[in-house]
C-alpha atoms as a PDB file:
ATOM      1  CA  MET A   1     -65.407  -9.019   0.328  1.00  0.00           C
ATOM      2  CA  ASN A   2     -64.567  -5.281  -0.912  1.00  0.00           C
ATOM      3  CA  ILE A   3     -63.985  -4.267   2.610  1.00  0.00           C
ATOM      4  CA  ALA A   4     -61.682  -6.822   3.074  1.00  0.00           C
ATOM      5  CA  LYS A   5     -59.865  -5.674  -0.546  1.00  0.00           C
ATOM      6  CA  VAL A   6     -59.855  -2.220   0.906  1.00  0.00           C
ATOM      7  CA  ILE A   7     -57.767  -2.836   3.968  1.00  0.00           C
ATOM      8  CA  ILE A   8     -55.603  -5.167   2.357  1.00  0.00           C
ATOM      9  CA  ASN A   9     -55.047  -2.833  -0.282  1.00  0.00           C
ATOM     10  CA  ALA A  10     -54.590  -0.184   2.575  1.00  0.00           C
ATOM     11  CA  ASN A  11     -52.200  -2.475   4.298  1.00  0.00           C
ATOM     12  CA  SER A  12     -50.062  -3.098   1.229  1.00  0.00           C
ATOM     13  CA  SER A  13     -50.066   0.437   0.899  1.00  0.00           C
ATOM     14  CA  SER A  14     -48.599   1.279   4.272  1.00  0.00           C
ATOM     15  CA  ASP A  15     -46.159  -1.354   3.865  1.00  0.00           C
ATOM     16  CA  SER A  16     -44.676   0.053   0.875  1.00  0.00           C
ATOM     17  CA  VAL A  17     -45.106   3.559   2.419  1.00  0.00           C
ATOM     18  CA  ARG A  18     -43.025   2.161   5.407  1.00  0.00           C
ATOM     19  CA  HIS A  19     -40.454   0.260   3.086  1.00  0.00           C
ATOM     20  CA  TYR A  20     -39.960   3.741   0.749  1.00  0.00           C
ATOM     21  CA  PHE A  21     -39.237   5.438   3.821  1.00  0.00           C
ATOM     22  CA  SER A  22     -36.949   3.088   5.459  1.00  0.00           C
ATOM     23  CA  THR A  23     -35.078   2.898   2.368  1.00  0.00           C
ATOM     24  CA  ARG A  24     -34.737   6.862   2.412  1.00  0.00           C
ATOM     25  CA  VAL A  25     -33.887   6.849   5.696  1.00  0.00           C
ATOM     26  CA  GLN A  26     -30.935   4.556   5.106  1.00  0.00           C
ATOM     27  CA  ILE A  27     -29.601   6.291   2.591  1.00  0.00           C
ATOM     28  CA  LEU A  28     -29.683   9.422   4.453  1.00  0.00           C
ATOM     29  CA  SER A  29     -28.094   7.442   7.226  1.00  0.00           C
ATOM     30  CA  ARG A  30     -25.133   6.419   4.884  1.00  0.00           C
ATOM     31  CA  PHE A  31     -24.643   9.811   3.102  1.00  0.00           C
ATOM     32  CA  MET A  32     -24.156  11.402   6.596  1.00  0.00           C
ATOM     33  CA  ASN A  33     -22.028   8.692   7.688  1.00  0.00           C
ATOM     34  CA  TRP A  34     -19.608   9.279   4.730  1.00  0.00           C
ATOM     35  CA  GLN A  35     -19.637  12.802   5.140  1.00  0.00           C
ATOM     36  CA  GLU A  36     -18.641  12.312   8.469  1.00  0.00           C
ATOM     37  CA  ALA A  37     -15.949   9.844   7.810  1.00  0.00           C
ATOM     38  CA  ARG A  38     -15.054  12.536   5.199  1.00  0.00           C
ATOM     39  CA  ILE A  39     -14.519  15.751   7.313  1.00  0.00           C
ATOM     40  CA  GLY A  40     -12.870  13.250   9.752  1.00  0.00           C
ATOM     41  CA  ALA A  41     -10.178  12.775   7.448  1.00  0.00           C
ATOM     42  CA  GLU A  42     -10.331  16.184   6.171  1.00  0.00           C
ATOM     43  CA  ASN A  43      -9.281  17.209  10.062  1.00  0.00           C
ATOM     44  CA  VAL A  44      -6.970  14.402  10.299  1.00  0.00           C
ATOM     45  CA  THR A  45      -4.881  15.606   7.273  1.00  0.00           C
ATOM     46  CA  SER A  46      -5.630  19.260   7.962  1.00  0.00           C
ATOM     47  CA  VAL A  47      -1.744  19.888   9.258  1.00  0.00           C
ATOM     48  CA  LYS A  48      -0.078  21.324   5.719  1.00  0.00           C
ATOM     49  CA  GLU A  49       2.980  22.439   7.296  1.00  0.00           C
ATOM     50  CA  PHE A  50       5.166  22.166  10.337  1.00  0.00           C
ATOM     51  CA  ILE A  51       6.545  25.241  12.240  1.00  0.00           C
ATOM     52  CA  LEU A  52      10.254  24.457  13.421  1.00  0.00           C
ATOM     53  CA  LEU A  53      10.827  26.588  16.186  1.00  0.00           C
ATOM     54  CA  GLY A  54      14.766  26.354  15.919  1.00  0.00           C
ATOM     55  CA  LEU A  55      17.499  27.299  18.155  1.00  0.00           C
ATOM     56  CA  SER A  56      16.350  30.578  19.162  1.00  0.00           C
ATOM     57  CA  SER A  57      13.168  32.897  18.613  1.00  0.00           C
ATOM     58  CA  GLN A  58      15.089  36.353  19.361  1.00  0.00           C
ATOM     59  CA  ARG A  59      16.012  38.201  16.390  1.00  0.00           C
ATOM     60  CA  LYS A  60      19.660  39.096  17.339  1.00  0.00           C
ATOM     61  CA  ILE A  61      20.355  35.579  18.261  1.00  0.00           C
ATOM     62  CA  GLN A  62      18.945  34.647  14.697  1.00  0.00           C
ATOM     63  CA  LEU A  63      21.109  36.787  13.013  1.00  0.00           C
ATOM     64  CA  LEU A  64      24.163  35.912  14.991  1.00  0.00           C
ATOM     65  CA  LEU A  65      23.496  32.045  14.354  1.00  0.00           C
ATOM     66  CA  PHE A  66      22.924  32.703  10.670  1.00  0.00           C
ATOM     67  CA  VAL A  67      26.342  33.933  10.630  1.00  0.00           C
ATOM     68  CA  VAL A  68      28.063  31.488  12.887  1.00  0.00           C
ATOM     69  CA  ILE A  69      26.142  28.538  10.849  1.00  0.00           C
ATOM     70  CA  LEU A  70      26.958  30.117   7.237  1.00  0.00           C
ATOM     71  CA  ILE A  71      30.712  29.892   8.366  1.00  0.00           C
ATOM     72  CA  ILE A  72      30.286  26.240   9.646  1.00  0.00           C
ATOM     73  CA  TYR A  73      28.696  25.175   6.618  1.00  0.00           C
ATOM     74  CA  LEU A  74      31.059  26.810   4.287  1.00  0.00           C
ATOM     75  CA  LEU A  75      34.021  25.148   5.745  1.00  0.00           C
ATOM     76  CA  THR A  76      32.168  21.807   6.294  1.00  0.00           C
ATOM     77  CA  VAL A  77      31.564  21.772   2.631  1.00  0.00           C
ATOM     78  CA  LEU A  78      35.463  23.423   1.836  1.00  0.00           C
ATOM     79  CA  GLY A  79      36.999  20.741   4.004  1.00  0.00           C
ATOM     80  CA  ASN A  80      35.240  17.738   2.645  1.00  0.00           C
ATOM     81  CA  LEU A  81      35.405  18.764  -0.578  1.00  0.00           C
ATOM     82  CA  LEU A  82      39.829  19.288  -0.166  1.00  0.00           C
ATOM     83  CA  ILE A  83      39.758  15.859   0.946  1.00  0.00           C
ATOM     84  CA  MET A  84      37.777  14.201  -2.033  1.00  0.00           C
ATOM     85  CA  ILE A  85      39.726  16.408  -4.549  1.00  0.00           C
ATOM     86  CA  LEU A  86      43.285  15.468  -3.285  1.00  0.00           C
ATOM     87  CA  VAL A  87      41.994  11.646  -3.210  1.00  0.00           C
ATOM     88  CA  GLN A  88      41.284  11.537  -6.815  1.00  0.00           C
ATOM     89  CA  ILE A  89      44.556  13.997  -8.308  1.00  0.00           C
ATOM     90  CA  ASP A  90      47.132  12.169  -5.988  1.00  0.00           C
ATOM     91  CA  VAL A  91      48.149   8.629  -6.859  1.00  0.00           C
ATOM     92  CA  ARG A  92      49.679   7.799  -3.801  1.00  0.00           C
ATOM     93  CA  LEU A  93      45.969   8.568  -2.016  1.00  0.00           C
ATOM     94  CA  HIS A  94      44.670   5.587  -4.182  1.00  0.00           C
ATOM     95  CA  THR A  95      44.453   3.220  -1.326  1.00  0.00           C
ATOM     96  CA  PRO A  96      41.355   1.469   0.523  1.00  0.00           C
ATOM     97  CA  MET A  97      41.363   4.340   3.407  1.00  0.00           C
ATOM     98  CA  TYR A  98      41.307   7.060   1.514  1.00  0.00           C
ATOM     99  CA  TYR A  99      38.553   5.656  -0.912  1.00  0.00           C
ATOM    100  CA  PHE A 100      36.591   4.954   2.045  1.00  0.00           C
ATOM    101  CA  LEU A 101      37.508   8.762   3.438  1.00  0.00           C
ATOM    102  CA  SER A 102      36.531  10.181   0.093  1.00  0.00           C
ATOM    103  CA  HIS A 103      32.985   8.774   0.511  1.00  0.00           C
ATOM    104  CA  LEU A 104      32.680   9.749   3.919  1.00  0.00           C
ATOM    105  CA  ALA A 105      33.530  13.203   2.840  1.00  0.00           C
ATOM    106  CA  GLY A 106      30.687  13.200   0.064  1.00  0.00           C
ATOM    107  CA  ILE A 107      28.169  11.874   2.840  1.00  0.00           C
ATOM    108  CA  GLU A 108      29.107  14.554   5.062  1.00  0.00           C
ATOM    109  CA  MET A 109      28.658  17.255   2.250  1.00  0.00           C
ATOM    110  CA  CYS A 110      25.496  15.883   1.260  1.00  0.00           C
ATOM    111  CA  TYR A 111      23.968  15.595   4.648  1.00  0.00           C
ATOM    112  CA  VAL A 112      25.077  19.351   5.718  1.00  0.00           C
ATOM    113  CA  THR A 113      23.627  20.442   2.541  1.00  0.00           C
ATOM    114  CA  SER A 114      20.212  18.352   2.932  1.00  0.00           C
ATOM    115  CA  THR A 115      19.949  20.427   6.485  1.00  0.00           C
ATOM    116  CA  LEU A 116      21.701  23.365   7.024  1.00  0.00           C
ATOM    117  CA  PRO A 117      20.744  25.904   4.046  1.00  0.00           C
ATOM    118  CA  LEU A 118      17.499  25.052   4.739  1.00  0.00           C
ATOM    119  CA  MET A 119      18.443  26.035   8.526  1.00  0.00           C
ATOM    120  CA  LEU A 120      19.716  29.390   7.678  1.00  0.00           C
ATOM    121  CA  SER A 121      16.421  30.364   5.141  1.00  0.00           C
ATOM    122  CA  HIS A 122      14.561  29.872   8.011  1.00  0.00           C
ATOM    123  CA  LEU A 123      17.174  32.101  10.459  1.00  0.00           C
ATOM    124  CA  MET A 124      17.207  34.915   7.959  1.00  0.00           C
ATOM    125  CA  ALA A 125      13.639  35.092   7.619  1.00  0.00           C
ATOM    126  CA  GLY A 126      12.890  34.577  10.975  1.00  0.00           C
ATOM    127  CA  ASN A 127      10.150  31.791  10.726  1.00  0.00           C
ATOM    128  CA  GLY A 128      10.313  28.316  10.299  1.00  0.00           C
ATOM    129  CA  ALA A 129       7.465  27.312   8.475  1.00  0.00           C
ATOM    130  CA  ILE A 130       7.913  23.907   6.199  1.00  0.00           C
ATOM    131  CA  SER A 131       5.278  21.883   3.952  1.00  0.00           C
ATOM    132  CA  PHE A 132       4.895  18.622   4.902  1.00  0.00           C
ATOM    133  CA  ALA A 133       6.603  17.594   1.700  1.00  0.00           C
ATOM    134  CA  LEU A 134       9.951  19.436   1.962  1.00  0.00           C
ATOM    135  CA  CYS A 135       9.943  17.819   5.769  1.00  0.00           C
ATOM    136  CA  THR A 136       9.792  14.591   4.519  1.00  0.00           C
ATOM    137  CA  ILE A 137      11.913  14.933   1.966  1.00  0.00           C
ATOM    138  CA  GLN A 138      14.426  16.400   4.633  1.00  0.00           C
ATOM    139  CA  THR A 139      13.799  13.698   6.680  1.00  0.00           C
ATOM    140  CA  TYR A 140      14.649  11.274   4.478  1.00  0.00           C
ATOM    141  CA  ILE A 141      17.889  12.477   2.911  1.00  0.00           C
ATOM    142  CA  ALA A 142      19.211  13.403   6.090  1.00  0.00           C
ATOM    143  CA  LEU A 143      18.453   9.807   7.483  1.00  0.00           C
ATOM    144  CA  THR A 144      19.983   8.251   4.657  1.00  0.00           C
ATOM    145  CA  MET A 145      23.150   9.954   4.861  1.00  0.00           C
ATOM    146  CA  GLY A 146      23.403   9.236   8.502  1.00  0.00           C
ATOM    147  CA  SER A 147      22.635   5.468   7.889  1.00  0.00           C
ATOM    148  CA  THR A 148      25.042   5.266   5.252  1.00  0.00           C
ATOM    149  CA  GLU A 149      27.609   7.018   6.983  1.00  0.00           C
ATOM    150  CA  SER A 150      27.099   4.704   9.921  1.00  0.00           C
ATOM    151  CA  LEU A 151      27.362   1.873   7.489  1.00  0.00           C
ATOM    152  CA  LEU A 152      30.546   3.237   6.463  1.00  0.00           C
ATOM    153  CA  LEU A 153      32.275   4.072   9.602  1.00  0.00           C
ATOM    154  CA  GLY A 154      31.853  -0.083  10.137  1.00  0.00           C
ATOM    155  CA  VAL A 155      33.658  -0.460   6.843  1.00  0.00           C
ATOM    156  CA  MET A 156      36.660   1.524   7.340  1.00  0.00           C
ATOM    157  CA  ALA A 157      37.085   0.140  11.201  1.00  0.00           C
ATOM    158  CA  TYR A 158      37.158  -3.388   9.007  1.00  0.00           C
ATOM    159  CA  ASP A 159      39.738  -1.997   6.284  1.00  0.00           C
ATOM    160  CA  ARG A 160      42.100  -0.733   9.467  1.00  0.00           C
ATOM    161  CA  TYR A 161      41.660  -4.284  11.082  1.00  0.00           C
ATOM    162  CA  LEU A 162      42.842  -6.110   7.821  1.00  0.00           C
ATOM    163  CA  ALA A 163      46.049  -3.399   7.411  1.00  0.00           C
ATOM    164  CA  ILE A 164      46.698  -4.098  10.608  1.00  0.00           C
ATOM    165  CA  CYS A 165      46.257  -7.339  11.621  1.00  0.00           C
ATOM    166  CA  ARG A 166      46.171  -9.251   8.003  1.00  0.00           C
ATOM    167  CA  PRO A 167      48.759  -7.207   6.353  1.00  0.00           C
ATOM    168  CA  LEU A 168      49.543 -10.434   4.162  1.00  0.00           C
ATOM    169  CA  ILE A 169      46.184 -10.869   2.640  1.00  0.00           C
ATOM    170  CA  TYR A 170      45.128  -7.221   3.117  1.00  0.00           C
ATOM    171  CA  ALA A 171      45.619  -6.340  -0.757  1.00  0.00           C
ATOM    172  CA  VAL A 172      44.106  -9.431  -2.090  1.00  0.00           C
ATOM    173  CA  ILE A 173      40.613  -8.962   0.264  1.00  0.00           C
ATOM    174  CA  MET A 174      40.631  -5.252  -0.489  1.00  0.00           C
ATOM    175  CA  GLY A 175      40.936  -5.265  -4.130  1.00  0.00           C
ATOM    176  CA  LYS A 176      39.130  -2.367  -6.436  1.00  0.00           C
ATOM    177  CA  GLY A 177      36.297  -4.727  -6.608  1.00  0.00           C
ATOM    178  CA  CYS A 178      35.963  -5.203  -3.262  1.00  0.00           C
ATOM    179  CA  GLN A 179      35.914  -1.724  -2.237  1.00  0.00           C
ATOM    180  CA  LEU A 180      33.017  -0.709  -4.587  1.00  0.00           C
ATOM    181  CA  GLN A 181      31.138  -3.374  -3.439  1.00  0.00           C
ATOM    182  CA  PHE A 182      31.803  -2.249   0.290  1.00  0.00           C
ATOM    183  CA  ALA A 183      30.775   1.130  -0.753  1.00  0.00           C
ATOM    184  CA  LEU A 184      27.880   0.068  -3.035  1.00  0.00           C
ATOM    185  CA  ALA A 185      26.530  -2.066  -0.386  1.00  0.00           C
ATOM    186  CA  CYS A 186      26.740   1.142   2.406  1.00  0.00           C
ATOM    187  CA  TRP A 187      24.464   3.710  -0.295  1.00  0.00           C
ATOM    188  CA  VAL A 188      21.640   1.098  -1.295  1.00  0.00           C
ATOM    189  CA  ILE A 189      21.285  -0.588   2.021  1.00  0.00           C
ATOM    190  CA  ALA A 190      21.032   2.799   3.843  1.00  0.00           C
ATOM    191  CA  PRO A 191      18.301   4.259   1.642  1.00  0.00           C
ATOM    192  CA  LEU A 192      16.084   0.872   1.620  1.00  0.00           C
ATOM    193  CA  LEU A 193      16.153   0.654   5.204  1.00  0.00           C
ATOM    194  CA  CYS A 194      15.406   4.565   5.579  1.00  0.00           C
ATOM    195  CA  ALA A 195      12.747   4.222   2.888  1.00  0.00           C
ATOM    196  CA  ILE A 196      10.822   1.948   5.369  1.00  0.00           C
ATOM    197  CA  CYS A 197      11.182   4.576   8.589  1.00  0.00           C
ATOM    198  CA  ILE A 198      10.128   7.379   6.255  1.00  0.00           C
ATOM    199  CA  THR A 199       7.000   5.072   4.925  1.00  0.00           C
ATOM    200  CA  CYS A 200       6.188   4.517   8.780  1.00  0.00           C
ATOM    201  CA  LEU A 201       6.330   8.506   9.143  1.00  0.00           C
ATOM    202  CA  VAL A 202       3.784   9.017   6.200  1.00  0.00           C
ATOM    203  CA  CYS A 203       1.127   7.193   6.969  1.00  0.00           C
ATOM    204  CA  GLN A 204       0.412   8.207  10.250  1.00  0.00           C
ATOM    205  CA  SER A 205      -2.221  10.961  10.597  1.00  0.00           C
ATOM    206  CA  TYR A 206      -1.421  14.683  11.805  1.00  0.00           C
ATOM    207  CA  CYS A 207      -4.210  16.614  12.969  1.00  0.00           C
ATOM    208  CA  GLY A 208      -2.222  19.252  15.322  1.00  0.00           C
ATOM    209  CA  PRO A 209      -0.650  20.573  17.099  1.00  0.00           C
ATOM    210  CA  ASN A 210       2.428  21.277  14.354  1.00  0.00           C
ATOM    211  CA  GLN A 211       5.119  22.963  16.132  1.00  0.00           C
ATOM    212  CA  ILE A 212       8.197  20.850  16.031  1.00  0.00           C
ATOM    213  CA  ASN A 213      10.650  21.969  19.327  1.00  0.00           C
ATOM    214  CA  HIS A 214      13.556  21.353  16.531  1.00  0.00           C
ATOM    215  CA  PHE A 215      15.805  23.096  14.079  1.00  0.00           C
ATOM    216  CA  ILE A 216      15.443  20.204  10.985  1.00  0.00           C
ATOM    217  CA  CYS A 217      13.078  17.862  10.673  1.00  0.00           C
ATOM    218  CA  GLU A 218      14.008  14.287  11.894  1.00  0.00           C
ATOM    219  CA  VAL A 219      11.883  11.035  12.606  1.00  0.00           C
ATOM    220  CA  PRO A 220      11.388  11.044  16.601  1.00  0.00           C
ATOM    221  CA  VAL A 221      10.444  14.843  16.607  1.00  0.00           C
ATOM    222  CA  VAL A 222       8.081  14.237  13.600  1.00  0.00           C
ATOM    223  CA  LEU A 223       6.514  11.154  14.811  1.00  0.00           C
ATOM    224  CA  LYS A 224       5.589  13.139  18.336  1.00  0.00           C
ATOM    225  CA  LEU A 225       3.351  15.151  16.424  1.00  0.00           C
ATOM    226  CA  ALA A 226       1.181  11.988  15.303  1.00  0.00           C
ATOM    227  CA  CYS A 227      -2.639  11.580  16.334  1.00  0.00           C
ATOM    228  CA  GLY A 228      -2.701   8.137  16.292  1.00  0.00           C
ATOM    229  CA  ASP A 229      -1.258   5.047  17.908  1.00  0.00           C
ATOM    230  CA  THR A 230       2.384   5.053  17.034  1.00  0.00           C
ATOM    231  CA  GLN A 231       3.643   1.670  18.746  1.00  0.00           C
ATOM    232  CA  ILE A 232       4.240  -0.275  16.008  1.00  0.00           C
ATOM    233  CA  ALA A 233       5.828   2.360  13.932  1.00  0.00           C
ATOM    234  CA  GLU A 234       8.219   3.318  16.920  1.00  0.00           C
ATOM    235  CA  ASP A 235       9.131  -0.473  17.054  1.00  0.00           C
ATOM    236  CA  ILE A 236       9.667  -0.546  13.386  1.00  0.00           C
ATOM    237  CA  ILE A 237      12.026   2.389  13.476  1.00  0.00           C
ATOM    238  CA  PHE A 238      13.344   1.351  16.756  1.00  0.00           C
ATOM    239  CA  GLY A 239      14.493  -1.918  15.231  1.00  0.00           C
ATOM    240  CA  ILE A 240      15.935  -0.490  11.701  1.00  0.00           C
ATOM    241  CA  GLY A 241      18.016   1.864  14.017  1.00  0.00           C
ATOM    242  CA  ALA A 242      19.445  -0.594  16.319  1.00  0.00           C
ATOM    243  CA  PHE A 243      20.876  -2.533  13.095  1.00  0.00           C
ATOM    244  CA  VAL A 244      21.922   0.379  11.133  1.00  0.00           C
ATOM    245  CA  LEU A 245      23.754   1.831  14.682  1.00  0.00           C
ATOM    246  CA  LEU A 246      24.701  -1.239  16.553  1.00  0.00           C
ATOM    247  CA  LEU A 247      25.637  -3.625  14.131  1.00  0.00           C
ATOM    248  CA  PRO A 248      28.578  -1.279  12.435  1.00  0.00           C
ATOM    249  CA  LEU A 249      28.895  -0.298  16.092  1.00  0.00           C
ATOM    250  CA  SER A 250      30.223  -4.351  17.213  1.00  0.00           C
ATOM    251  CA  VAL A 251      32.162  -4.397  14.071  1.00  0.00           C
ATOM    252  CA  ILE A 252      34.266  -1.147  15.153  1.00  0.00           C
ATOM    253  CA  LEU A 253      34.553  -2.445  18.698  1.00  0.00           C
ATOM    254  CA  THR A 254      35.815  -6.173  17.337  1.00  0.00           C
ATOM    255  CA  SER A 255      37.753  -4.496  14.782  1.00  0.00           C
ATOM    256  CA  TYR A 256      39.560  -2.100  17.508  1.00  0.00           C
ATOM    257  CA  GLY A 257      39.668  -5.072  20.179  1.00  0.00           C
ATOM    258  CA  PHE A 258      41.562  -6.801  17.640  1.00  0.00           C
ATOM    259  CA  ILE A 259      43.910  -3.943  16.424  1.00  0.00           C
ATOM    260  CA  LEU A 260      44.853  -2.878  19.951  1.00  0.00           C
ATOM    261  CA  TYR A 261      45.520  -6.668  20.710  1.00  0.00           C
ATOM    262  CA  SER A 262      48.308  -6.747  17.786  1.00  0.00           C
ATOM    263  CA  VAL A 263      49.532  -3.163  18.243  1.00  0.00           C
ATOM    264  CA  SER A 264      50.676  -4.197  21.935  1.00  0.00           C
ATOM    265  CA  HIS A 265      52.570  -7.131  20.638  1.00  0.00           C
ATOM    266  CA  MET A 266      54.540  -4.636  18.148  1.00  0.00           C
ATOM    267  CA  LYS A 267      58.232  -4.724  18.373  1.00  0.00           C
ATOM    268  CA  SER A 268      58.689  -1.609  16.217  1.00  0.00           C
ATOM    269  CA  ASN A 269      58.105   1.752  17.920  1.00  0.00           C
ATOM    270  CA  VAL A 270      57.082   3.901  14.553  1.00  0.00           C
ATOM    271  CA  GLY A 271      54.729   0.990  13.408  1.00  0.00           C
ATOM    272  CA  ARG A 272      52.617   1.299  16.591  1.00  0.00           C
ATOM    273  CA  ARG A 273      52.526   4.792  16.593  1.00  0.00           C
ATOM    274  CA  LYS A 274      51.675   4.890  12.710  1.00  0.00           C
ATOM    275  CA  ALA A 275      48.825   2.504  13.713  1.00  0.00           C
ATOM    276  CA  PHE A 276      47.803   4.464  16.711  1.00  0.00           C
ATOM    277  CA  SER A 277      47.946   7.650  14.183  1.00  0.00           C
ATOM    278  CA  THR A 278      45.854   5.978  11.780  1.00  0.00           C
ATOM    279  CA  CYS A 279      43.300   4.236  14.058  1.00  0.00           C
ATOM    280  CA  GLY A 280      43.230   7.480  16.365  1.00  0.00           C
ATOM    281  CA  SER A 281      41.550   9.855  14.001  1.00  0.00           C
ATOM    282  CA  HIS A 282      38.621   7.201  13.498  1.00  0.00           C
ATOM    283  CA  LEU A 283      37.978   6.594  16.931  1.00  0.00           C
ATOM    284  CA  ILE A 284      37.373  10.412  17.254  1.00  0.00           C
ATOM    285  CA  VAL A 285      34.811  10.387  14.702  1.00  0.00           C
ATOM    286  CA  VAL A 286      33.140   7.338  15.734  1.00  0.00           C
ATOM    287  CA  SER A 287      32.961   8.611  19.401  1.00  0.00           C
ATOM    288  CA  LEU A 288      31.383  11.833  18.199  1.00  0.00           C
ATOM    289  CA  PHE A 289      28.980  10.033  15.676  1.00  0.00           C
ATOM    290  CA  TYR A 290      27.441   6.930  17.437  1.00  0.00           C
ATOM    291  CA  GLY A 291      27.378   9.178  21.011  1.00  0.00           C
ATOM    292  CA  SER A 292      24.800  11.728  19.651  1.00  0.00           C
ATOM    293  CA  ALA A 293      23.189   9.409  17.303  1.00  0.00           C
ATOM    294  CA  ILE A 294      22.535   6.798  19.962  1.00  0.00           C
ATOM    295  CA  LEU A 295      21.141   9.344  22.471  1.00  0.00           C
ATOM    296  CA  MET A 296      18.898  10.726  19.455  1.00  0.00           C
ATOM    297  CA  TYR A 297      17.185   7.098  18.496  1.00  0.00           C
ATOM    298  CA  MET A 298      18.202   4.406  20.844  1.00  0.00           C
ATOM    299  CA  ILE A 299      17.483   6.340  24.400  1.00  0.00           C
ATOM    300  CA  PRO A 300      14.529   6.660  25.563  1.00  0.00           C
ATOM    301  CA  LYS A 301      13.308  10.126  25.657  1.00  0.00           C
ATOM    302  CA  SER A 302      12.924  12.234  28.846  1.00  0.00           C
ATOM    303  CA  ASP A 303       9.957  14.830  29.446  1.00  0.00           C
ATOM    304  CA  SER A 304      11.876  16.987  31.794  1.00  0.00           C
ATOM    305  CA  SER A 305      14.015  18.412  28.916  1.00  0.00           C
ATOM    306  CA  PRO A 306      12.124  19.899  25.980  1.00  0.00           C
ATOM    307  CA  ASP A 307      15.622  20.754  24.205  1.00  0.00           C
ATOM    308  CA  ARG A 308      17.186  17.474  24.875  1.00  0.00           C
ATOM    309  CA  ASP A 309      16.859  16.907  21.214  1.00  0.00           C
ATOM    310  CA  LYS A 310      17.988  19.866  19.727  1.00  0.00           C
ATOM    311  CA  GLN A 311      21.103  19.806  21.895  1.00  0.00           C
ATOM    312  CA  ILE A 312      22.317  16.248  20.896  1.00  0.00           C
ATOM    313  CA  ALA A 313      21.324  16.843  16.972  1.00  0.00           C
ATOM    314  CA  ILE A 314      23.852  20.050  17.255  1.00  0.00           C
ATOM    315  CA  PHE A 315      26.821  17.536  17.695  1.00  0.00           C
ATOM    316  CA  TYR A 316      26.064  15.318  14.132  1.00  0.00           C
ATOM    317  CA  VAL A 317      24.404  18.023  12.013  1.00  0.00           C
ATOM    318  CA  LEU A 318      27.051  20.839  13.281  1.00  0.00           C
ATOM    319  CA  ILE A 319      30.003  19.713  14.846  1.00  0.00           C
ATOM    320  CA  THR A 320      30.494  15.996  13.412  1.00  0.00           C
ATOM    321  CA  PRO A 321      30.560  17.277   9.750  1.00  0.00           C
ATOM    322  CA  LEU A 322      33.031  20.001  10.428  1.00  0.00           C
ATOM    323  CA  PHE A 323      35.167  18.066  12.499  1.00  0.00           C
ATOM    324  CA  ASN A 324      35.911  15.211  10.061  1.00  0.00           C
ATOM    325  CA  PRO A 325      37.944  16.567   7.643  1.00  0.00           C
ATOM    326  CA  ILE A 326      40.085  18.669  10.458  1.00  0.00           C
ATOM    327  CA  ILE A 327      40.253  15.207  12.548  1.00  0.00           C
ATOM    328  CA  TYR A 328      41.649  13.360   9.515  1.00  0.00           C
ATOM    329  CA  THR A 329      43.898  15.429   8.051  1.00  0.00           C
ATOM    330  CA  LEU A 330      45.313  17.129  11.056  1.00  0.00           C
ATOM    331  CA  ARG A 331      48.062  14.684  11.828  1.00  0.00           C
ATOM    332  CA  ASN A 332      48.062  12.856   8.292  1.00  0.00           C
ATOM    333  CA  LYS A 333      51.058  12.977   6.752  1.00  0.00           C
ATOM    334  CA  ASP A 334      49.645  11.593   3.327  1.00  0.00           C
ATOM    335  CA  ILE A 335      47.075  14.515   3.174  1.00  0.00           C
ATOM    336  CA  HIS A 336      49.689  17.459   4.050  1.00  0.00           C
ATOM    337  CA  ARG A 337      52.032  16.217   0.948  1.00  0.00           C
ATOM    338  CA  ALA A 338      49.015  16.010  -1.434  1.00  0.00           C
ATOM    339  CA  ALA A 339      47.773  19.493  -0.315  1.00  0.00           C
ATOM    340  CA  SER A 340      51.372  20.920  -0.516  1.00  0.00           C
ATOM    341  CA  LYS A 341      51.508  19.307  -3.965  1.00  0.00           C
ATOM    342  CA  MET A 342      48.168  20.413  -5.411  1.00  0.00           C
ATOM    343  CA  LEU A 343      49.185  24.199  -3.952  1.00  0.00           C
END
């Protein structure tokens, strides 16, 4: 009887020991899994900064580009600032067309200020290092300004349609309240949509490499460095890009289709020339902006041209903001009169 008790006690003790060690092994296993997950998370988020390769790695070319881009930046800011000042001080320019033009000038100033000063500092330093946070901020501001400009160009085309094809009701539809609503809609809708794109960008994992073959941070080029599956993010960004680019473009094409039809039936050559003059400037800006933006965000990328994104970005980062004030003021007699009066 005592021997049976001893055997039972021994079995109970072995079960207790076995349970004790089994529990400790489970705890140790959970700890090791937590450590591996923590180390893996650290590796995934190990990219703290990106390296923008820029337009050239040669020092002499970098210094030459610094001078050229600095001149472009100053001319762009001065030209767009001049338009904003003229529209404000000259009463004859207090019309819907010039009201939206002043907003466009403000957008261009904000856009180049969000991209070119940082680019100039990289060219001067010879190093394109940029933190992840600063890259995200630059991407959001530049994308917001570009999206706002896209929507505003659609509004400006609709304004030209009403002025030429519906002149009797133009003053009623495009009152001051309506102008403010159109402009406010552009400034509100674009940042909200771009916030969704940036959220898709930030939620990705970046574990290397960290070199960006570009001179500014943009959604497509940054998304290429993500480690995980980016298909859902790409679909969301593509959908928002299609809305921001193709919807205003369809409004522009439809508006100018009606405008061309109305102008072709005008009997007055003076009125016809005036219509073509005001609309021609807008069409040139539209062609430059939407052509490069659609190539960048809507057309599939080709692996055979690694510098393709940089070459396209030169148009809407450097050329379009510089040419906008020149195009709108080159043959605009109202702007000429306002500038002469101010001088």
